[in-house]
Structures are given as C-alpha cells and as structure tokens.
C-alpha cells in the first residue's frame, strides 16, 4: 500500500471500546443507519483517490441533524475519531476512513431547503449535488457559479470542505466566494451557524476558515449559497497552438490586457486527443495545445473583449481560432474539457491526478519542467488545467499492476508539487491536501506555521477526533520527510535562479 495511505502511529492513538459504542449508536440511528459488517464497510474504504484504501471501524448513516449531534456526542465521549464523507469524490484522500474511527456518511442530507429568488440565495443540505443547485435555480433565471468538473456527482458539503473551484472560478470565485453561511455541528454535538445572509458579519471571518478545512473543524449540515443571474450574453472561442508554451504566454497576455474571462482553460495534445475520442467535441487534434476562453456580460462588452482576446491569441502564435456558432457548440467545447479526466481513464489503466497552483507567468516554464520530470520517471503526463488562475491538473499515467509504477507516479507527483512551491505557488488549488499532499505541506510551510495550523485545529477540536492524520502534517512527519527540493536534495534547476 502506498506510504501516504498508511496512518502513522502518532495518528492511531485511540483506545476504542467498540461494543458499548455500537449499542449506544443503535439507540440513536435508524435501523439501517449503522453499518458494522465488513461487506457494508468495504463500500466506504476509499474516495476518488482509489489507490489508498482503509476500512473504517464503523459507518453511520444519519438522516436528521439531531442524529448527527447524538453520533458526534457519543464519539466524543468514547474518544472515537470521526471522518465525514459526502459523495466520496475527493481526489486527495480527504475522506479516507480512519482504521479506528467512525465514518459519518452524509449522503441522505440531499434536500434543497429553500430558494429565495429575491435574495438570490439557496439553502441546501451538504449532500446536495453541486449541479442540482443550478438545475433547481434555473427556473428563476439564476445559477450557482462554482462548477468543478465533478459537479454532476460532488456534494456541496465537500465543496466547502475542499474549497472547490471549477472552470468559471477565475471570474466568479471559488466556493468561499459564493457561500454566505454554514451551519455545522462541533465534535461535542453543539449546533452553530457561522456567517449570515448579510454580506458581512462582525468578528473573525470563521466562514472563510471553514472553507478548505477538510472536515477537521466540524460537520456541515446546511449551506447558504449565493445565486447569480445568467449573463446577458456569452461567447466561447477556442484557439490552437503549435506548442504549450505559446498557449501559456497567450494566457498571460489576456490577463495583462485587463480581461477577466468567465473561463480560461488549457489542454495539451494528449488531453485533446483523449477528449476528442471520448466526446467528439470538435477539437483540433493536430494542435499541441488548445485554449478555451469564455467571455460573458453585455453584448457590447463581449464584442470588445472578443476582439482583444483574438489579438492576444494571434500575437502569440495561434494557428487556428474557432468561435462557437451556437449554444450547442459552446456546450460541446466545454464538454470535452469537463470530460477530460474520464477520457484519460480510457487510455491508461490508472492515472494520478495532481493539483498544484503557480503564478501565471511561470506557466510555460513549469509545463516544460513537468515534461522533463515525467521523462525522467518514465511516465507520461497529460496536462489539463485552469490556465487563468494557474491551477494545474497534471494527470500522471501509470499501471498499478506493474511493480514500481505507482511508486514512480507518487514520486513524480511529489516533484511536481515541489516545483510549484519553488516558483512561488502552492501544493493545492482546489482538491485539498488530505493524505495525498501531507508530506509536501512540509516543503511549503515552516515549523512555526504548521504549529499555528495545529493551534487552530485545537481550538475547534481539542481531542483531535475530527479527520485525524489529514491535511496538517505533524512536525515529526516533516522531520522525516525533510525539506526536499524538486530533485531530492540536489540544487534547484538552473533556470529557477533566473525566474
């Protein structure tokens, strides 16, 4: 099993007397709301990062907020860890179960409680699918802006936990920018609301703190989200480039012109071919890279921006520019991008999806270095990314049945994340840290910063029962991992000194 998937001794420190806990949980949960047999627990052994697997001790499936409160109270009294799970689409092992803990499955909290078109808000339970919010709001001419590629399956509670983004986050923001309030339950079973329907609330901004907290501070039971009116007009264009670097420079040029597109996405040649074979999106399969740009607003604004974007693309060597002729073609352009991950799954037995963020100006350099690092590891990398905000999603192709390939994929993934830090970026953009990137947190943050992270965690969860062993490394782990650079202790790549 991969090293990251194994909980360390310092994370498995719980002395659990399970029989009394089972008896108490049966009193507060519905008849089928507690899963103790191995076959049932096996269904929850991993999330979207399926290379890492771990059986939970127990699985609770509550149906009401009161049941969630009682479960948390009982686990707190018994000293039992709790890992909250929504749709299980996390790509960083964020909802990987704890071997001595209870997995709290929130899938039955899937109701939209209210849509207020006048206030432009929706109140939803954490198990509501991301796309379901927009589907319900569309009757009022409204939609929910964050749209991760997994939006047909991922749940809003998990979106808050990971601070998910999507192809339109460049202009409309991440989850944190589109949520007004969160109702949550503490590990002691206390129910509290953070934030409000107002644009601002007094005191510390705890609402932002909860976003990206990966289930380590509380259990979300309701989310109040902002809804936006559909833009007056929208246009999508797609440009082909003979090399990835030219596309990267075009991205920087567009942003430098003061244009903030609704979406600005890039795919390299391997991703283009995989997506085209899968969904027939009309992509230029001769291109080394394509850039998909969506502009929205008034007709005059979009017309002006279209002209400027075309100029930027042409100035940086675009070999072909396609403008979507109608809504059907717009949808088709985006369908290929959103289906890129499953499309790559058709051409490789396994793939490892990374998630790092870099300054836009480093895009061309980083993509070139990823290619060099991939070649050194003997693995192919397919690149799909939110080019506008520098959020990279390299897909490392490997075959888990071949000895050593998973280890090589993990090594390459770690090198890519460390490269992101080297050029002034960060180890995650929207997928979270989970267990996947916990070692690389030691590269990005100093010991004093990590101690502060633990202090925040301790303020909400003094016993350390919520999702232990995730997101924040211990100082012992960092001491073992060391402050490695891209080349495992060698001097940084010479080009970095000039950046």
Protein backbone atom coordinates (compact mmCIF):
# COMPACT_ATOMS: atom_id res chain seq x y z
CA UNK A 1 0.00 0.00 0.00
CA UNK A 2 1.31 3.48 -0.81
CA UNK A 3 3.13 5.15 2.07
CA UNK A 4 0.71 8.10 2.25
CA UNK A 5 -2.23 5.76 2.75
CA UNK A 6 -0.86 4.28 5.96
CA UNK A 7 -1.78 6.13 9.11
CA UNK A 8 1.26 6.75 11.28
CA UNK A 9 1.47 5.55 14.87
CA UNK A 10 1.01 9.12 16.09
CA UNK A 11 -2.32 9.24 14.21
CA UNK A 12 -3.53 5.86 15.56
CA UNK A 13 -3.56 6.64 19.22
CA UNK A 14 -7.18 5.91 20.09
CA UNK A 15 -8.19 3.20 22.54
CA UNK A 16 -11.68 2.26 21.33
CA UNK A 17 -14.13 0.11 23.31
CA UNK A 18 -16.36 -0.60 20.36
CA UNK A 19 -19.18 -2.77 21.78
CA UNK A 20 -20.67 -0.13 24.12
CA UNK A 21 -20.38 2.44 21.33
CA UNK A 22 -22.27 0.20 18.90
CA UNK A 23 -25.04 -0.32 21.45
CA UNK A 24 -25.34 3.43 22.07
CA UNK A 25 -25.32 4.27 18.35
CA UNK A 26 -28.10 1.77 17.65
CA UNK A 27 -30.27 3.72 20.08
CA UNK A 28 -29.96 7.00 18.15
CA UNK A 29 -29.73 5.88 14.50
CA UNK A 30 -32.39 4.37 12.23
CA UNK A 31 -32.47 0.60 11.87
CA UNK A 32 -30.16 0.50 8.86
CA UNK A 33 -28.22 3.60 9.86
CA UNK A 34 -25.27 1.79 11.45
CA UNK A 35 -23.06 -0.48 9.32
CA UNK A 36 -20.81 -2.85 11.22
CA UNK A 37 -20.33 -5.83 8.88
CA UNK A 38 -17.25 -5.83 6.67
CA UNK A 39 -19.12 -6.06 3.36
CA UNK A 40 -21.01 -2.86 4.10
CA UNK A 41 -17.96 -1.01 5.39
CA UNK A 42 -15.98 -2.05 2.31
CA UNK A 43 -18.13 0.28 0.17
CA UNK A 44 -16.60 3.24 2.05
CA UNK A 45 -12.94 2.18 2.05
CA UNK A 46 -11.75 4.93 -0.29
CA UNK A 47 -12.77 8.11 -2.08
CA UNK A 48 -11.79 9.36 -5.54
CA UNK A 49 -8.12 8.68 -4.75
CA UNK A 50 -8.71 4.95 -5.03
CA UNK A 51 -5.06 3.91 -4.72
CA UNK A 52 -5.41 4.50 -0.97
CA UNK A 53 -7.81 2.20 0.89
CA UNK A 54 -8.68 1.78 4.56
CA UNK A 55 -11.65 0.08 6.23
CA UNK A 56 -13.49 2.21 8.80
CA UNK A 57 -14.28 0.70 12.17
CA UNK A 58 -17.97 1.66 11.79
CA UNK A 59 -20.16 3.57 9.34
CA UNK A 60 -23.04 5.79 10.49
CA UNK A 61 -25.69 6.98 8.03
CA UNK A 62 -27.82 9.57 9.87
CA UNK A 63 -30.99 11.10 8.47
CA UNK A 64 -31.53 14.11 10.75
CA UNK A 65 -29.42 16.85 12.29
CA UNK A 66 -30.35 15.58 15.75
CA UNK A 67 -28.94 12.18 14.87
CA UNK A 68 -25.69 13.78 13.72
CA UNK A 69 -25.48 15.61 17.03
CA UNK A 70 -26.01 12.43 19.02
CA UNK A 71 -23.45 10.48 16.96
CA UNK A 72 -20.82 13.16 17.49
CA UNK A 73 -21.56 13.38 21.23
CA UNK A 74 -21.18 9.63 21.62
CA UNK A 75 -17.93 9.55 19.61
CA UNK A 76 -16.59 12.47 21.62
CA UNK A 77 -17.38 10.74 24.92
CA UNK A 78 -15.85 7.47 23.71
CA UNK A 79 -12.78 9.15 22.19
CA UNK A 80 -13.53 7.73 18.73
CA UNK A 81 -12.27 9.53 15.58
CA UNK A 82 -14.87 10.73 13.05
CA UNK A 83 -14.34 11.14 9.30
CA UNK A 84 -17.17 12.86 7.42
CA UNK A 85 -17.96 11.71 3.88
CA UNK A 86 -20.21 13.26 1.28
CA UNK A 87 -20.24 11.94 -2.29
CA UNK A 88 -16.75 10.46 -1.97
CA UNK A 89 -15.35 12.32 -4.99
CA UNK A 90 -12.34 13.78 -3.15
CA UNK A 91 -9.13 13.33 -5.15
CA UNK A 92 -6.76 13.78 -2.21
CA UNK A 93 -7.91 11.07 0.20
CA UNK A 94 -9.73 13.66 2.31
CA UNK A 95 -12.48 11.21 3.25
CA UNK A 96 -10.23 8.17 3.61
CA UNK A 97 -11.61 6.36 6.69
CA UNK A 98 -9.70 6.06 9.93
CA UNK A 99 -8.93 2.44 10.91
CA UNK A 100 -10.11 3.05 14.48
CA UNK A 101 -12.81 5.56 13.64
CA UNK A 102 -16.40 6.05 12.58
CA UNK A 103 -17.17 7.17 9.04
CA UNK A 104 -20.09 9.63 9.07
CA UNK A 105 -21.82 9.29 5.69
CA UNK A 106 -23.95 12.36 4.93
CA UNK A 107 -25.47 11.11 1.67
CA UNK A 108 -29.07 11.30 2.96
CA UNK A 109 -28.77 15.04 3.57
CA UNK A 110 -29.64 15.77 -0.06
CA UNK A 111 -32.50 18.26 0.11
CA UNK A 112 -32.64 21.82 -1.18
CA UNK A 113 -34.39 23.52 1.72
CA UNK A 114 -35.11 26.89 0.13
CA UNK A 115 -34.51 29.00 -2.97
CA UNK A 116 -35.15 32.70 -2.47
CA UNK A 117 -35.01 34.32 -5.90
CA UNK A 118 -35.47 37.81 -4.43
CA UNK A 119 -32.45 37.47 -2.14
CA UNK A 120 -30.65 35.32 -4.73
CA UNK A 121 -29.75 32.63 -2.23
CA UNK A 122 -30.33 28.92 -1.75
CA UNK A 123 -30.22 26.94 1.49
CA UNK A 124 -29.14 23.39 0.90
CA UNK A 125 -28.12 20.31 2.85
CA UNK A 126 -24.50 19.16 2.49
CA UNK A 127 -25.32 16.11 0.36
CA UNK A 128 -26.94 18.14 -2.43
CA UNK A 129 -25.05 17.75 -5.69
CA UNK A 130 -23.33 20.87 -6.97
CA UNK A 131 -25.15 20.79 -10.31
CA UNK A 132 -28.53 20.19 -8.63
CA UNK A 133 -28.41 23.73 -7.20
CA UNK A 134 -28.16 25.29 -10.65
CA UNK A 135 -30.83 22.93 -12.00
CA UNK A 136 -33.24 23.99 -9.26
CA UNK A 137 -32.39 27.70 -9.58
CA UNK A 138 -32.64 27.83 -13.38
CA UNK A 139 -36.43 28.30 -13.22
CA UNK A 140 -35.73 31.68 -11.63
CA UNK A 141 -33.06 32.69 -14.18
CA UNK A 142 -30.33 32.03 -11.61
CA UNK A 143 -27.40 29.65 -11.20
CA UNK A 144 -24.65 28.65 -8.77
CA UNK A 145 -21.26 29.74 -10.12
CA UNK A 146 -18.65 27.21 -8.82
CA UNK A 147 -18.68 24.27 -11.24
CA UNK A 148 -15.98 21.64 -10.62
CA UNK A 149 -15.74 19.02 -13.35
CA UNK A 150 -17.26 16.51 -10.93
CA UNK A 151 -20.32 18.73 -10.38
CA UNK A 152 -22.76 16.07 -11.55
CA UNK A 153 -21.70 13.98 -8.53
CA UNK A 154 -19.82 16.04 -5.94
CA UNK A 155 -21.76 17.42 -2.98
CA UNK A 156 -21.83 20.97 -1.66
CA UNK A 157 -20.59 19.98 1.80
CA UNK A 158 -17.48 18.51 0.25
CA UNK A 159 -17.11 21.61 -1.94
CA UNK A 160 -16.93 23.71 1.23
CA UNK A 161 -14.51 21.27 2.86
CA UNK A 162 -12.13 21.42 -0.11
CA UNK A 163 -12.96 24.98 -1.25
CA UNK A 164 -13.71 23.64 -4.72
CA UNK A 165 -13.49 25.79 -7.83
CA UNK A 166 -14.15 24.85 -11.44
CA UNK A 167 -13.74 26.24 -14.91
CA UNK A 168 -15.51 29.51 -14.06
CA UNK A 169 -13.71 30.29 -10.79
CA UNK A 170 -11.37 32.79 -12.49
CA UNK A 171 -14.15 35.39 -12.73
CA UNK A 172 -16.71 34.19 -10.20
CA UNK A 173 -14.53 32.79 -7.46
CA UNK A 174 -14.13 29.58 -5.51
CA UNK A 175 -16.69 28.11 -3.13
CA UNK A 176 -15.56 30.51 -0.38
CA UNK A 177 -16.61 33.47 -2.53
CA UNK A 178 -20.08 32.04 -3.14
CA UNK A 179 -21.16 30.91 0.34
CA UNK A 180 -22.85 33.22 2.85
CA UNK A 181 -23.36 30.92 5.83
CA UNK A 182 -22.67 27.43 7.09
CA UNK A 183 -24.50 25.57 9.83
CA UNK A 184 -22.29 22.97 11.48
CA UNK A 185 -22.05 20.60 14.41
CA UNK A 186 -18.96 20.59 16.62
CA UNK A 187 -17.33 17.37 17.80
CA UNK A 188 -19.15 17.87 21.14
CA UNK A 189 -22.50 17.89 19.30
CA UNK A 190 -23.12 21.63 19.55
CA UNK A 191 -25.07 23.18 16.67
CA UNK A 192 -23.85 26.57 15.46
CA UNK A 193 -24.20 28.90 12.46
CA UNK A 194 -21.19 30.72 11.04
CA UNK A 195 -21.84 33.62 8.68
CA UNK A 196 -25.25 35.03 7.74
CA UNK A 197 -27.32 36.18 4.78
CA UNK A 198 -25.71 39.61 5.15
CA UNK A 199 -22.68 40.44 3.05
CA UNK A 200 -20.55 40.79 6.16
CA UNK A 201 -20.77 39.76 9.80
CA UNK A 202 -18.88 41.09 12.83
CA UNK A 203 -15.94 39.28 14.38
CA UNK A 204 -13.37 36.96 12.91
CA UNK A 205 -14.05 35.55 9.45
CA UNK A 206 -14.61 31.99 10.59
CA UNK A 207 -16.66 31.29 7.47
CA UNK A 208 -13.56 31.56 5.30
CA UNK A 209 -11.68 29.42 7.82
CA UNK A 210 -14.15 26.57 7.33
CA UNK A 211 -13.59 26.56 3.56
CA UNK A 212 -10.79 24.15 2.79
CA UNK A 213 -10.76 22.84 6.38
CA UNK A 214 -11.33 19.27 5.09
CA UNK A 215 -13.74 18.18 7.82
CA UNK A 216 -11.25 18.88 10.60
CA UNK A 217 -13.22 21.62 12.41
CA UNK A 218 -16.85 20.47 12.34
CA UNK A 219 -19.58 18.63 10.45
CA UNK A 220 -21.56 20.76 7.99
CA UNK A 221 -25.34 20.25 7.99
CA UNK A 222 -26.55 23.24 5.93
CA UNK A 223 -25.01 25.72 3.49
CA UNK A 224 -26.42 29.05 2.31
CA UNK A 225 -25.06 29.85 -1.16
CA UNK A 226 -25.23 32.88 -3.41
CA UNK A 227 -27.07 32.60 -6.71
CA UNK A 228 -26.22 34.72 -9.75
CA UNK A 229 -28.37 35.81 -12.71
CA UNK A 230 -27.45 34.29 -16.04
CA UNK A 231 -25.24 36.66 -18.10
CA UNK A 232 -26.95 38.68 -20.81
CA UNK A 233 -24.74 37.11 -23.44
CA UNK A 234 -21.98 34.56 -23.55
CA UNK A 235 -19.43 33.59 -26.20
CA UNK A 236 -16.86 30.83 -26.34
CA UNK A 237 -13.81 30.66 -28.55
CA UNK A 238 -11.07 28.09 -28.83
CA UNK A 239 -7.52 28.63 -30.09
CA UNK A 240 -4.98 26.06 -31.25
CA UNK A 241 -1.24 26.40 -30.64
CA UNK A 242 1.78 24.58 -32.04
CA UNK A 243 3.34 24.33 -28.57
CA UNK A 244 2.15 24.56 -24.97
CA UNK A 245 4.46 27.48 -24.13
CA UNK A 246 2.77 29.72 -26.71
CA UNK A 247 -0.61 28.98 -25.19
CA UNK A 248 0.77 29.82 -21.76
CA UNK A 249 2.07 33.16 -22.98
CA UNK A 250 -1.32 33.90 -24.57
CA UNK A 251 -2.99 33.35 -21.18
CA UNK A 252 -0.67 35.86 -19.52
CA UNK A 253 -1.30 38.34 -22.32
CA UNK A 254 -5.09 38.12 -21.98
CA UNK A 255 -4.99 38.78 -18.24
CA UNK A 256 -2.43 41.57 -18.73
CA UNK A 257 -4.93 43.33 -21.02
CA UNK A 258 -7.28 43.57 -18.01
CA UNK A 259 -9.69 40.97 -19.37
CA UNK A 260 -11.11 38.50 -16.84
CA UNK A 261 -12.85 35.76 -18.83
CA UNK A 262 -15.66 33.70 -17.34
CA UNK A 263 -13.43 30.69 -18.01
CA UNK A 264 -9.94 30.23 -19.43
CA UNK A 265 -8.81 26.62 -19.75
CA UNK A 266 -5.93 24.84 -21.46
CA UNK A 267 -5.36 21.24 -22.55
CA UNK A 268 -2.21 19.74 -24.05
CA UNK A 269 -2.06 17.48 -27.10
CA UNK A 270 -2.56 14.19 -25.25
CA UNK A 271 -5.59 15.58 -23.40
CA UNK A 272 -7.03 16.98 -26.64
CA UNK A 273 -6.84 13.60 -28.36
CA UNK A 274 -8.31 11.71 -25.39
CA UNK A 275 -11.22 14.12 -25.00
CA UNK A 276 -11.97 14.21 -28.72
CA UNK A 277 -12.04 10.42 -28.93
CA UNK A 278 -14.40 10.34 -25.95
CA UNK A 279 -16.95 13.11 -26.63
CA UNK A 280 -16.27 14.37 -30.19
CA UNK A 281 -16.07 17.98 -29.02
CA UNK A 282 -14.69 19.27 -32.32
CA UNK A 283 -11.16 19.80 -31.02
CA UNK A 284 -8.15 20.38 -33.26
CA UNK A 285 -6.26 17.12 -32.76
CA UNK A 286 -3.25 18.45 -34.69
CA UNK A 287 -2.66 21.11 -32.03
CA UNK A 288 -0.07 20.75 -29.27
CA UNK A 289 -2.36 22.77 -27.01
CA UNK A 290 -5.78 24.41 -27.09
CA UNK A 291 -7.04 27.34 -25.07
CA UNK A 292 -10.79 27.59 -24.38
CA UNK A 293 -11.99 31.07 -23.44
CA UNK A 294 -15.50 32.05 -22.36
CA UNK A 295 -16.50 35.72 -22.26
CA UNK A 296 -19.76 36.94 -20.75
CA UNK A 297 -21.54 40.19 -19.99
CA UNK A 298 -23.35 42.72 -22.18
CA UNK A 299 -23.24 42.31 -25.94
CA UNK A 300 -21.00 45.36 -26.40
CA UNK A 301 -18.61 44.24 -23.64
CA UNK A 302 -18.31 40.73 -25.03
CA UNK A 303 -17.77 42.02 -28.57
CA UNK A 304 -14.91 44.28 -27.44
CA UNK A 305 -13.30 41.53 -25.38
CA UNK A 306 -13.63 39.02 -28.21
CA UNK A 307 -11.59 41.26 -30.48
CA UNK A 308 -8.90 41.79 -27.83
CA UNK A 309 -8.66 38.09 -26.96
CA UNK A 310 -8.31 37.15 -30.61
CA UNK A 311 -5.48 39.65 -30.94
CA UNK A 312 -3.69 38.18 -27.91
CA UNK A 313 -4.03 34.67 -29.28
CA UNK A 314 -2.86 35.66 -32.74
CA UNK A 315 0.08 37.64 -31.34
CA UNK A 316 1.26 34.52 -29.52
CA UNK A 317 1.10 32.18 -32.48
CA UNK A 318 -2.42 30.75 -32.53
CA UNK A 319 -2.64 28.51 -35.60
CA UNK A 320 -6.42 28.36 -35.56
CA UNK A 321 -9.23 30.23 -33.74
CA UNK A 322 -12.74 28.81 -33.62
CA UNK A 323 -15.73 30.79 -32.33
CA UNK A 324 -18.71 28.74 -31.20
CA UNK A 325 -21.54 29.23 -33.67
CA UNK A 326 -24.40 28.49 -31.26
CA UNK A 327 -25.25 27.25 -27.77
CA UNK A 328 -24.84 23.64 -28.85
CA UNK A 329 -21.27 24.23 -29.99
CA UNK A 330 -20.48 26.21 -26.82
CA UNK A 331 -21.65 23.27 -24.75
CA UNK A 332 -19.61 20.89 -26.89
CA UNK A 333 -16.41 22.90 -26.41
CA UNK A 334 -16.86 22.73 -22.63
CA UNK A 335 -17.98 19.09 -22.67
CA UNK A 336 -14.58 17.97 -23.87
CA UNK A 337 -12.79 19.90 -21.13
CA UNK A 338 -15.11 18.68 -18.37
CA UNK A 339 -14.81 15.10 -19.59
CA UNK A 340 -11.01 15.20 -19.73
CA UNK A 341 -10.48 13.12 -16.59
CA UNK A 342 -12.74 10.20 -17.60
CA UNK A 343 -11.40 10.49 -21.14
CA UNK A 344 -7.86 9.90 -19.89
CA UNK A 345 -9.17 6.94 -17.90
CA UNK A 346 -9.96 5.27 -21.24
CA UNK A 347 -6.33 5.37 -22.43
CA UNK A 348 -4.47 4.31 -19.28
CA UNK A 349 -5.05 1.54 -16.71
CA UNK A 350 -4.57 4.12 -13.94
CA UNK A 351 -3.84 7.80 -13.59
CA UNK A 352 -2.83 10.02 -10.69
CA UNK A 353 -4.44 13.48 -10.79
CA UNK A 354 -2.31 16.22 -9.29
CA UNK A 355 -3.44 19.67 -8.16
CA UNK A 356 -0.93 22.48 -7.75
CA UNK A 357 -1.13 26.22 -8.36
CA UNK A 358 1.52 28.52 -9.78
CA UNK A 359 1.86 32.19 -10.78
CA UNK A 360 0.57 32.57 -14.33
CA UNK A 361 3.87 33.99 -15.53
CA UNK A 362 5.57 30.66 -14.70
CA UNK A 363 3.12 28.57 -16.74
CA UNK A 364 5.30 27.93 -19.78
CA UNK A 365 8.37 27.11 -17.68
CA UNK A 366 6.54 24.78 -15.31
CA UNK A 367 4.90 22.84 -18.13
CA UNK A 368 8.30 22.32 -19.73
CA UNK A 369 9.75 21.12 -16.43
CA UNK A 370 6.83 18.72 -15.90
CA UNK A 371 7.65 17.18 -19.26
CA UNK A 372 11.30 16.77 -18.22
CA UNK A 373 10.41 15.27 -14.85
CA UNK A 374 7.93 12.89 -16.49
CA UNK A 375 10.56 11.67 -18.93
CA UNK A 376 12.99 11.08 -16.08
CA UNK A 377 10.43 8.91 -14.27
CA UNK A 378 9.49 7.05 -17.46
CA UNK A 379 5.82 8.03 -17.20
CA UNK A 380 3.56 10.05 -19.49
CA UNK A 381 1.77 13.13 -18.15
CA UNK A 382 -1.39 14.60 -19.64
CA UNK A 383 -2.00 18.24 -18.74
CA UNK A 384 -5.40 19.80 -18.15
CA UNK A 385 -5.64 22.99 -16.15
CA UNK A 386 -7.41 26.18 -15.17
CA UNK A 387 -4.97 28.34 -17.08
CA UNK A 388 -6.47 31.65 -15.99
CA UNK A 389 -5.66 31.20 -12.30
CA UNK A 390 -2.64 28.90 -12.67
CA UNK A 391 -4.32 25.82 -11.17
CA UNK A 392 -2.62 22.81 -12.77
CA UNK A 393 -4.07 19.30 -13.02
CA UNK A 394 -1.33 17.08 -14.47
CA UNK A 395 -2.62 13.53 -14.94
CA UNK A 396 0.20 11.03 -14.43
CA UNK A 397 -0.44 7.83 -16.38
CA UNK A 398 0.67 4.51 -14.89
CA UNK A 399 -0.29 0.86 -14.50
CA UNK A 400 -0.77 -0.15 -10.88
CA UNK A 401 -0.33 -3.80 -11.84
CA UNK A 402 3.24 -3.12 -12.92
CA UNK A 403 5.70 -3.27 -9.98
CA UNK A 404 7.12 0.13 -9.09
CA UNK A 405 4.86 2.23 -11.31
CA UNK A 406 2.64 3.54 -8.50
CA UNK A 407 5.74 4.49 -6.52
CA UNK A 408 7.13 6.26 -9.58
CA UNK A 409 3.82 8.10 -10.05
CA UNK A 410 3.85 9.24 -6.43
CA UNK A 411 7.45 10.39 -6.73
CA UNK A 412 6.67 12.34 -9.89
CA UNK A 413 3.59 13.86 -8.25
CA UNK A 414 5.67 15.00 -5.29
CA UNK A 415 8.28 16.52 -7.61
CA UNK A 416 5.57 18.45 -9.47
CA UNK A 417 4.15 19.84 -6.24
CA UNK A 418 7.58 20.86 -5.02
CA UNK A 419 8.20 22.54 -8.38
CA UNK A 420 5.01 24.56 -7.84
CA UNK A 421 6.34 25.75 -4.48
CA UNK A 422 9.77 26.53 -5.96
CA UNK A 423 8.26 29.00 -8.45
CA UNK A 424 6.12 30.76 -5.84
CA UNK A 425 2.98 28.62 -5.98
CA UNK A 426 1.23 26.22 -3.64
CA UNK A 427 0.69 22.47 -3.32
CA UNK A 428 -3.06 22.62 -3.88
CA UNK A 429 -5.61 24.77 -5.65
CA UNK A 430 -8.94 23.07 -5.02
CA UNK A 431 -8.51 19.34 -4.34
CA UNK A 432 -7.27 19.79 -0.79
CA UNK A 433 -4.35 18.14 1.00
CA UNK A 434 -5.94 15.04 2.55
CA UNK A 435 -3.34 12.30 2.80
CA UNK A 436 -2.04 12.85 -0.73
CA UNK A 437 -0.10 16.09 -0.22
CA UNK A 438 0.56 16.00 3.51
CA UNK A 439 4.30 15.46 3.06
CA UNK A 440 4.58 18.34 0.61
CA UNK A 441 2.98 20.66 3.18
CA UNK A 442 6.32 20.32 4.97
CA UNK A 443 8.01 21.86 1.92
CA UNK A 444 5.65 24.81 1.65
CA UNK A 445 5.32 25.75 5.33
CA UNK A 446 7.82 26.32 8.12
CA UNK A 447 7.52 24.60 11.50
CA UNK A 448 6.11 27.72 13.16
CA UNK A 449 3.35 27.93 10.55
CA UNK A 450 2.46 24.26 10.96
CA UNK A 451 2.27 24.76 14.72
CA UNK A 452 -0.23 27.57 14.14
CA UNK A 453 -2.35 25.31 11.95
CA UNK A 454 -2.46 22.79 14.79
CA UNK A 455 -3.42 25.57 17.21
CA UNK A 456 -6.43 26.47 15.05
CA UNK A 457 -7.43 22.81 14.87
CA UNK A 458 -7.09 22.52 18.65
CA UNK A 459 -9.43 25.50 19.19
CA UNK A 460 -12.26 23.63 17.45
CA UNK A 461 -11.36 20.04 18.28
CA UNK A 462 -9.08 19.76 21.34
CA UNK A 463 -9.21 15.95 21.38
CA UNK A 464 -8.17 15.76 17.71
CA UNK A 465 -11.04 13.44 16.78
CA UNK A 466 -12.22 15.05 13.51
CA UNK A 467 -10.44 13.59 10.47
CA UNK A 468 -7.11 12.94 12.26
CA UNK A 469 -3.95 12.38 10.22
CA UNK A 470 -5.13 14.59 7.34
CA UNK A 471 -4.18 17.95 5.82
CA UNK A 472 -1.79 19.19 8.52
CA UNK A 473 1.45 17.25 8.99
CA UNK A 474 2.98 16.69 12.39
CA UNK A 475 6.43 18.11 12.99
CA UNK A 476 7.70 14.52 13.33
CA UNK A 477 6.47 13.78 9.83
CA UNK A 478 8.16 16.90 8.49
CA UNK A 479 11.42 15.99 10.21
CA UNK A 480 11.36 12.60 8.48
CA UNK A 481 10.33 13.93 5.10
CA UNK A 482 12.91 16.74 5.20
CA UNK A 483 12.89 19.89 3.17
CA UNK A 484 13.43 18.28 -0.20
CA UNK A 485 13.61 20.19 -3.44
CA UNK A 486 12.47 19.16 -6.88
CA UNK A 487 15.47 16.90 -7.36
CA UNK A 488 15.51 15.27 -3.91
CA UNK A 489 18.19 17.42 -2.37
CA UNK A 490 20.07 18.46 -5.50
CA UNK A 491 20.44 22.12 -6.36
CA UNK A 492 17.34 23.68 -7.95
CA UNK A 493 17.15 23.62 -11.71
CA UNK A 494 19.44 26.40 -13.02
CA UNK A 495 16.57 28.17 -14.82
CA UNK A 496 14.87 28.71 -11.46
CA UNK A 497 17.63 31.10 -10.45
CA UNK A 498 16.64 33.37 -13.32
CA UNK A 499 12.91 33.38 -12.60
